[in-house]
Amino acid sequence: LAGNIWKVIATEGQTVAEGDVLLILEAMKMETEIRAAQAGTVLGIAVKSGDAVSVGDTLMTLA
């Protein structure tokens, strides 16, 4: 889903559980929560609020 990053919720170094909301993407005037697919630690955040993103873009790195 292509759109703009509306809000980055997770922070680098944060431990997250599967299903935690990491960021909110705005596309076609709708907000979509992007959730963690697995538990882990946020190693890096590749986007900031307002960034335009496309399908396949790396948004965050979890390990």
C-alpha atoms as a PDB file:
ATOM      1  CA  LEU A   1       0.000   0.000   0.000  1.00  0.00           C
ATOM      2  CA  ALA A   2       1.652   3.249  -1.115  1.00  0.00           C
ATOM      3  CA  GLY A   3       1.108   6.338   1.017  1.00  0.00           C
ATOM      4  CA  ASN A   4       2.673   8.659   3.550  1.00  0.00           C
ATOM      5  CA  ILE A   5       3.971   7.915   7.017  1.00  0.00           C
ATOM      6  CA  TRP A   6       1.554   9.682   9.345  1.00  0.00           C
ATOM      7  CA  LYS A   7       3.145   8.772  12.688  1.00  0.00           C
ATOM      8  CA  VAL A   8       6.105   6.664  13.849  1.00  0.00           C
ATOM      9  CA  ILE A   9       5.209   5.089  17.188  1.00  0.00           C
ATOM     10  CA  ALA A  10       8.061   2.660  17.892  1.00  0.00           C
ATOM     11  CA  THR A  11      11.504   3.917  18.868  1.00  0.00           C
ATOM     12  CA  GLU A  12      14.928   2.517  18.064  1.00  0.00           C
ATOM     13  CA  GLY A  13      15.983  -0.001  20.708  1.00  0.00           C
ATOM     14  CA  GLN A  14      12.396  -0.629  21.835  1.00  0.00           C
ATOM     15  CA  THR A  15      11.305  -4.198  22.524  1.00  0.00           C
ATOM     16  CA  VAL A  16       8.015  -4.983  20.801  1.00  0.00           C
ATOM     17  CA  ALA A  17       5.583  -7.889  20.954  1.00  0.00           C
ATOM     18  CA  GLU A  18       3.919  -9.521  17.967  1.00  0.00           C
ATOM     19  CA  GLY A  19       0.984  -7.315  16.984  1.00  0.00           C
ATOM     20  CA  ASP A  20       2.276  -4.073  18.543  1.00  0.00           C
ATOM     21  CA  VAL A  21       1.606  -0.975  16.431  1.00  0.00           C
ATOM     22  CA  LEU A  22       4.911   0.307  14.995  1.00  0.00           C
ATOM     23  CA  LEU A  23       3.694   3.155  12.791  1.00  0.00           C
ATOM     24  CA  ILE A  24       0.633   4.560  11.066  1.00  0.00           C
ATOM     25  CA  LEU A  25       0.467   4.876   7.292  1.00  0.00           C
ATOM     26  CA  GLU A  26      -1.955   7.272   5.578  1.00  0.00           C
ATOM     27  CA  ALA A  27      -3.170   6.245   2.124  1.00  0.00           C
ATOM     28  CA  MET A  28      -6.272   7.335   0.231  1.00  0.00           C
ATOM     29  CA  LYS A  29      -7.397   9.381   3.276  1.00  0.00           C
ATOM     30  CA  MET A  30      -7.393   6.262   5.458  1.00  0.00           C
ATOM     31  CA  GLU A  31      -5.033   5.482   8.329  1.00  0.00           C
ATOM     32  CA  THR A  32      -3.573   1.967   8.469  1.00  0.00           C
ATOM     33  CA  GLU A  33      -1.734   0.625  11.508  1.00  0.00           C
ATOM     34  CA  ILE A  34       1.449  -1.250  10.645  1.00  0.00           C
ATOM     35  CA  ARG A  35       2.003  -3.907  13.298  1.00  0.00           C
ATOM     36  CA  ALA A  36       4.959  -6.079  14.266  1.00  0.00           C
ATOM     37  CA  ALA A  37       4.811  -9.457  12.532  1.00  0.00           C
ATOM     38  CA  GLN A  38       6.928 -10.952  15.318  1.00  0.00           C
ATOM     39  CA  ALA A  39       8.316 -10.081  18.734  1.00  0.00           C
ATOM     40  CA  GLY A  40      11.738  -8.455  18.764  1.00  0.00           C
ATOM     41  CA  THR A  41      13.773  -5.284  19.137  1.00  0.00           C
ATOM     42  CA  VAL A  42      13.602  -2.311  16.776  1.00  0.00           C
ATOM     43  CA  LEU A  43      17.126  -2.087  15.334  1.00  0.00           C
ATOM     44  CA  GLY A  44      16.521   0.751  12.911  1.00  0.00           C
ATOM     45  CA  ILE A  45      13.828   3.087  11.630  1.00  0.00           C
ATOM     46  CA  ALA A  46      14.130   4.004   7.947  1.00  0.00           C
ATOM     47  CA  VAL A  47      11.244   6.514   7.782  1.00  0.00           C
ATOM     48  CA  LYS A  48       9.933   9.599   9.552  1.00  0.00           C
ATOM     49  CA  SER A  49       6.552  11.303   9.690  1.00  0.00           C
ATOM     50  CA  GLY A  50       5.632  12.783   6.322  1.00  0.00           C
ATOM     51  CA  ASP A  51       7.787  10.436   4.223  1.00  0.00           C
ATOM     52  CA  ALA A  52       6.206   9.008   1.063  1.00  0.00           C
ATOM     53  CA  VAL A  53       6.568   5.221   0.851  1.00  0.00           C
ATOM     54  CA  SER A  54       5.762   2.566  -1.740  1.00  0.00           C
ATOM     55  CA  VAL A  55       5.126  -1.155  -1.691  1.00  0.00           C
ATOM     56  CA  GLY A  56       8.369  -2.967  -0.864  1.00  0.00           C
ATOM     57  CA  ASP A  57      10.075  -0.073   0.959  1.00  0.00           C
ATOM     58  CA  THR A  58      11.857  -0.929   4.199  1.00  0.00           C
ATOM     59  CA  LEU A  59      10.175   0.938   7.048  1.00  0.00           C
ATOM     60  CA  MET A  60      11.883  -0.619  10.097  1.00  0.00           C
ATOM     61  CA  THR A  61      14.278  -3.388  10.954  1.00  0.00           C
ATOM     62  CA  LEU A  62      13.355  -5.815  13.747  1.00  0.00           C
ATOM     63  CA  ALA A  63      15.474  -8.601  15.174  1.00  0.00           C
END
